[in-house]
Amino acid sequence: MEISQPDGTLRPEPDLRTADLRFQQQLEHRLNELKADIAERPFLYVGIAFVAGFISNTFPARILFLVVVRVVSWLSLPATLLLGIIKLSNLFSGSPRNEPTIVQRP
């Protein structure tokens, strides 16, 4: 017995090639925009690069990561408590909820 091949052929390769070509064109366009922006404001980008280099050489990434994690953990507790208070106030508020009503016949 022979296994017949389907008549319709799948063509994912041209779609991938066009997507790659489109992505490459977008990347080149954005790179050209960045180059033009750097040419217009060179001191801003030199300043950004200096600050980034200074921070990365002064503070190791591990310490910066720990600081960010601690700040997020300190801020998460008050946010959690605030959300709990809001939920409790909604629970005990006098506004009726959209609950289904049961109609009883007399």
N, C-alpha and C. Protein backbone atom coordinates (compact mmCIF):
# COMPACT_ATOMS: atom_id res chain seq x y z
N MET A 1 0.84 -1.18 0.00
CA MET A 1 0.00 0.00 0.00
C MET A 1 0.88 1.24 0.00
N GLU A 2 0.45 2.19 -0.76
CA GLU A 2 1.16 3.46 -0.81
C GLU A 2 0.42 4.50 0.00
N ILE A 3 1.18 5.33 0.62
CA ILE A 3 0.58 6.44 1.36
C ILE A 3 0.57 7.64 0.43
N SER A 4 -0.60 8.17 0.21
CA SER A 4 -0.70 9.30 -0.72
C SER A 4 -0.31 10.60 -0.02
N GLN A 5 0.31 11.45 -0.77
CA GLN A 5 0.72 12.75 -0.25
C GLN A 5 -0.45 13.71 -0.41
N PRO A 6 -0.62 14.61 0.53
CA PRO A 6 -1.72 15.57 0.40
C PRO A 6 -1.46 16.51 -0.78
N ASP A 7 -2.55 16.92 -1.41
CA ASP A 7 -2.45 17.78 -2.58
C ASP A 7 -1.94 19.17 -2.21
N GLY A 8 -2.44 19.70 -1.14
CA GLY A 8 -2.03 21.04 -0.73
C GLY A 8 -0.68 20.99 -0.02
N THR A 9 0.20 21.86 -0.41
CA THR A 9 1.51 21.89 0.24
C THR A 9 1.54 23.02 1.26
N LEU A 10 2.14 22.74 2.35
CA LEU A 10 2.28 23.76 3.39
C LEU A 10 3.49 24.62 3.06
N ARG A 11 3.34 25.91 3.20
CA ARG A 11 4.43 26.81 2.87
C ARG A 11 4.75 27.73 4.04
N PRO A 12 5.28 27.20 5.12
CA PRO A 12 5.63 28.09 6.22
C PRO A 12 6.92 28.85 5.96
N GLU A 13 7.77 28.33 5.08
CA GLU A 13 9.07 28.96 4.86
C GLU A 13 8.96 30.35 4.27
N PRO A 14 8.14 30.59 3.22
CA PRO A 14 8.05 31.95 2.71
C PRO A 14 7.50 32.92 3.75
N ASP A 15 6.56 32.46 4.58
CA ASP A 15 6.04 33.33 5.63
C ASP A 15 7.13 33.68 6.63
N LEU A 16 7.95 32.69 6.96
CA LEU A 16 9.04 32.95 7.89
C LEU A 16 10.06 33.89 7.28
N ARG A 17 10.33 33.72 5.99
CA ARG A 17 11.30 34.59 5.33
C ARG A 17 10.79 36.01 5.27
N THR A 18 9.50 36.18 4.97
CA THR A 18 8.96 37.54 4.92
C THR A 18 8.92 38.15 6.31
N ALA A 19 8.63 37.34 7.33
CA ALA A 19 8.63 37.85 8.70
C ALA A 19 10.05 38.25 9.11
N ASP A 20 11.04 37.42 8.75
CA ASP A 20 12.42 37.76 9.06
C ASP A 20 12.85 39.02 8.33
N LEU A 21 12.45 39.15 7.07
CA LEU A 21 12.80 40.33 6.30
C LEU A 21 12.15 41.58 6.88
N ARG A 22 10.89 41.46 7.28
CA ARG A 22 10.18 42.59 7.89
C ARG A 22 10.83 42.97 9.21
N PHE A 23 11.18 41.97 10.02
CA PHE A 23 11.84 42.23 11.30
C PHE A 23 13.19 42.90 11.08
N GLN A 24 13.93 42.44 10.11
CA GLN A 24 15.24 43.02 9.82
C GLN A 24 15.09 44.47 9.35
N GLN A 25 14.09 44.75 8.53
CA GLN A 25 13.87 46.12 8.08
C GLN A 25 13.49 47.03 9.23
N GLN A 26 12.63 46.54 10.13
CA GLN A 26 12.25 47.33 11.30
C GLN A 26 13.45 47.58 12.20
N LEU A 27 14.29 46.57 12.38
CA LEU A 27 15.48 46.72 13.21
C LEU A 27 16.43 47.74 12.61
N GLU A 28 16.64 47.67 11.30
CA GLU A 28 17.52 48.64 10.64
C GLU A 28 16.95 50.04 10.72
N HIS A 29 15.63 50.17 10.58
CA HIS A 29 14.99 51.49 10.66
C HIS A 29 15.18 52.09 12.06
N ARG A 30 14.95 51.27 13.09
CA ARG A 30 15.11 51.76 14.47
C ARG A 30 16.57 52.09 14.77
N LEU A 31 17.49 51.30 14.23
CA LEU A 31 18.91 51.58 14.42
C LEU A 31 19.29 52.89 13.75
N ASN A 32 18.77 53.14 12.57
CA ASN A 32 19.03 54.41 11.89
C ASN A 32 18.44 55.59 12.66
N GLU A 33 17.24 55.39 13.24
CA GLU A 33 16.65 56.45 14.06
C GLU A 33 17.50 56.72 15.29
N LEU A 34 18.02 55.66 15.92
CA LEU A 34 18.86 55.83 17.10
C LEU A 34 20.15 56.55 16.73
N LYS A 35 20.74 56.19 15.60
CA LYS A 35 21.96 56.86 15.16
C LYS A 35 21.70 58.35 14.91
N ALA A 36 20.57 58.67 14.30
CA ALA A 36 20.24 60.07 14.04
C ALA A 36 20.00 60.82 15.35
N ASP A 37 19.35 60.16 16.30
CA ASP A 37 19.10 60.79 17.60
C ASP A 37 20.40 61.01 18.36
N ILE A 38 21.32 60.05 18.27
CA ILE A 38 22.63 60.21 18.93
C ILE A 38 23.40 61.35 18.30
N ALA A 39 23.30 61.50 16.97
CA ALA A 39 23.99 62.60 16.28
C ALA A 39 23.40 63.95 16.68
N GLU A 40 22.09 63.99 16.97
CA GLU A 40 21.46 65.25 17.36
C GLU A 40 21.78 65.63 18.80
N ARG A 41 21.79 64.64 19.70
CA ARG A 41 22.03 64.92 21.13
C ARG A 41 23.13 64.02 21.67
N PRO A 42 24.38 64.29 21.31
CA PRO A 42 25.45 63.40 21.74
C PRO A 42 25.74 63.48 23.23
N PHE A 43 25.60 64.65 23.83
CA PHE A 43 25.94 64.79 25.25
C PHE A 43 24.97 64.04 26.14
N LEU A 44 23.71 63.95 25.73
CA LEU A 44 22.74 63.19 26.52
C LEU A 44 23.13 61.72 26.57
N TYR A 45 23.48 61.15 25.43
CA TYR A 45 23.83 59.74 25.38
C TYR A 45 25.18 59.45 26.03
N VAL A 46 26.10 60.40 25.95
CA VAL A 46 27.37 60.24 26.67
C VAL A 46 27.11 60.25 28.16
N GLY A 47 26.21 61.11 28.62
CA GLY A 47 25.86 61.16 30.04
C GLY A 47 25.19 59.88 30.51
N ILE A 48 24.27 59.38 29.69
CA ILE A 48 23.60 58.12 30.05
C ILE A 48 24.61 56.98 30.13
N ALA A 49 25.52 56.91 29.16
CA ALA A 49 26.53 55.85 29.17
C ALA A 49 27.46 55.99 30.36
N PHE A 50 27.82 57.23 30.72
CA PHE A 50 28.70 57.44 31.87
C PHE A 50 28.03 57.00 33.16
N VAL A 51 26.77 57.40 33.35
CA VAL A 51 26.05 57.03 34.58
C VAL A 51 25.88 55.52 34.66
N ALA A 52 25.52 54.88 33.54
CA ALA A 52 25.35 53.42 33.55
C ALA A 52 26.67 52.72 33.84
N GLY A 53 27.75 53.19 33.27
CA GLY A 53 29.06 52.59 33.55
C GLY A 53 29.49 52.81 34.97
N PHE A 54 29.26 54.00 35.50
CA PHE A 54 29.64 54.31 36.88
C PHE A 54 28.88 53.43 37.86
N ILE A 55 27.57 53.29 37.63
CA ILE A 55 26.76 52.47 38.53
C ILE A 55 27.18 51.01 38.43
N SER A 56 27.42 50.51 37.22
CA SER A 56 27.77 49.10 37.07
C SER A 56 29.16 48.80 37.65
N ASN A 57 30.08 49.77 37.63
CA ASN A 57 31.40 49.53 38.21
C ASN A 57 31.41 49.76 39.71
N THR A 58 30.54 50.63 40.21
CA THR A 58 30.51 50.93 41.63
C THR A 58 29.75 49.86 42.41
N PHE A 59 28.58 49.51 41.93
CA PHE A 59 27.74 48.54 42.62
C PHE A 59 27.62 47.29 41.77
N PRO A 60 28.02 46.16 42.31
CA PRO A 60 27.83 44.92 41.55
C PRO A 60 26.34 44.64 41.33
N ALA A 61 26.05 43.91 40.29
CA ALA A 61 24.66 43.63 39.92
C ALA A 61 23.92 42.87 41.02
N ARG A 62 24.65 42.04 41.74
CA ARG A 62 24.01 41.26 42.82
C ARG A 62 23.47 42.19 43.90
N ILE A 63 24.23 43.21 44.26
CA ILE A 63 23.79 44.13 45.30
C ILE A 63 22.60 44.96 44.80
N LEU A 64 22.66 45.41 43.55
CA LEU A 64 21.53 46.16 43.00
C LEU A 64 20.27 45.31 42.96
N PHE A 65 20.41 44.04 42.58
CA PHE A 65 19.26 43.15 42.55
C PHE A 65 18.68 42.96 43.95
N LEU A 66 19.53 42.79 44.95
CA LEU A 66 19.05 42.62 46.33
C LEU A 66 18.33 43.87 46.82
N VAL A 67 18.83 45.03 46.46
CA VAL A 67 18.18 46.28 46.87
C VAL A 67 16.80 46.38 46.23
N VAL A 68 16.70 46.06 44.95
CA VAL A 68 15.41 46.11 44.27
C VAL A 68 14.43 45.13 44.89
N VAL A 69 14.89 43.92 45.20
CA VAL A 69 14.01 42.91 45.80
C VAL A 69 13.55 43.36 47.18
N ARG A 70 14.43 43.95 47.96
CA ARG A 70 14.02 44.42 49.29
C ARG A 70 13.01 45.55 49.21
N VAL A 71 13.21 46.48 48.30
CA VAL A 71 12.26 47.59 48.16
C VAL A 71 10.90 47.07 47.72
N VAL A 72 10.89 46.14 46.78
CA VAL A 72 9.61 45.57 46.33
C VAL A 72 8.94 44.81 47.47
N SER A 73 9.69 44.08 48.25
CA SER A 73 9.09 43.33 49.36
C SER A 73 8.57 44.27 50.45
N TRP A 74 9.27 45.37 50.69
CA TRP A 74 8.77 46.35 51.67
C TRP A 74 7.49 47.02 51.19
N LEU A 75 7.39 47.26 49.90
CA LEU A 75 6.20 47.93 49.38
C LEU A 75 5.04 46.97 49.15
N SER A 76 5.32 45.68 49.07
CA SER A 76 4.24 44.73 48.80
C SER A 76 3.34 44.52 50.02
N LEU A 77 3.88 44.61 51.23
CA LEU A 77 3.06 44.42 52.43
C LEU A 77 2.01 45.51 52.57
N PRO A 78 2.36 46.79 52.49
CA PRO A 78 1.29 47.80 52.57
C PRO A 78 0.29 47.70 51.42
N ALA A 79 0.75 47.33 50.24
CA ALA A 79 -0.18 47.19 49.12
C ALA A 79 -1.15 46.04 49.37
N THR A 80 -0.65 44.94 49.91
CA THR A 80 -1.51 43.80 50.22
C THR A 80 -2.52 44.15 51.31
N LEU A 81 -2.07 44.86 52.33
CA LEU A 81 -2.99 45.28 53.39
C LEU A 81 -4.05 46.23 52.85
N LEU A 82 -3.66 47.15 51.99
CA LEU A 82 -4.61 48.08 51.41
C LEU A 82 -5.66 47.36 50.56
N LEU A 83 -5.22 46.39 49.77
CA LEU A 83 -6.18 45.61 48.98
C LEU A 83 -7.13 44.82 49.88
N GLY A 84 -6.62 44.29 50.98
CA GLY A 84 -7.48 43.56 51.92
C GLY A 84 -8.51 44.48 52.56
N ILE A 85 -8.10 45.69 52.92
CA ILE A 85 -9.04 46.65 53.51
C ILE A 85 -10.11 47.03 52.50
N ILE A 86 -9.72 47.22 51.26
CA ILE A 86 -10.70 47.56 50.22
C ILE A 86 -11.69 46.42 50.04
N LYS A 87 -11.21 45.18 50.02
CA LYS A 87 -12.11 44.04 49.87
C LYS A 87 -13.07 43.92 51.06
N LEU A 88 -12.55 44.14 52.28
CA LEU A 88 -13.42 44.08 53.45
C LEU A 88 -14.45 45.19 53.44
N SER A 89 -14.06 46.38 53.03
CA SER A 89 -15.03 47.48 52.98
C SER A 89 -16.10 47.21 51.93
N ASN A 90 -15.73 46.59 50.80
CA ASN A 90 -16.72 46.22 49.80
C ASN A 90 -17.65 45.13 50.32
N LEU A 91 -17.11 44.24 51.13
CA LEU A 91 -17.91 43.15 51.67
C LEU A 91 -18.96 43.65 52.65
N PHE A 92 -18.57 44.60 53.50
CA PHE A 92 -19.47 45.09 54.54
C PHE A 92 -20.21 46.36 54.15
N SER A 93 -20.02 46.83 52.96
CA SER A 93 -20.73 48.05 52.56
C SER A 93 -22.21 47.75 52.36
N GLY A 94 -23.03 48.77 52.40
CA GLY A 94 -24.47 48.60 52.32
C GLY A 94 -24.99 48.40 50.92
N SER A 95 -24.16 48.54 49.92
CA SER A 95 -24.66 48.40 48.55
C SER A 95 -25.00 46.94 48.26
N PRO A 96 -26.15 46.70 47.67
CA PRO A 96 -26.52 45.31 47.37
C PRO A 96 -25.69 44.78 46.21
N ARG A 97 -25.38 43.53 46.31
CA ARG A 97 -24.59 42.89 45.27
C ARG A 97 -25.52 42.35 44.20
N ASN A 98 -24.98 42.02 43.09
CA ASN A 98 -25.75 41.46 41.99
C ASN A 98 -25.93 39.95 42.20
N GLU A 99 -26.76 39.62 43.19
CA GLU A 99 -27.01 38.23 43.48
C GLU A 99 -28.30 37.81 42.82
N PRO A 100 -28.39 36.58 42.42
CA PRO A 100 -29.66 36.13 41.82
C PRO A 100 -30.77 36.11 42.87
N THR A 101 -31.95 36.53 42.46
CA THR A 101 -33.08 36.53 43.37
C THR A 101 -33.95 35.32 43.09
N ILE A 102 -34.48 34.75 44.15
CA ILE A 102 -35.34 33.58 44.03
C ILE A 102 -36.76 34.04 44.21
N VAL A 103 -37.56 33.80 43.22
CA VAL A 103 -38.97 34.22 43.28
C VAL A 103 -39.78 33.03 43.78
N GLN A 104 -40.53 33.26 44.88
CA GLN A 104 -41.38 32.21 45.44
C GLN A 104 -42.82 32.56 45.16
N ARG A 105 -43.58 31.56 44.79
CA ARG A 105 -45.01 31.78 44.53
C ARG A 105 -45.77 31.68 45.84
N PRO A 106 -46.77 32.56 46.01
CA PRO A 106 -47.53 32.52 47.28
C PRO A 106 -48.48 31.36 47.39
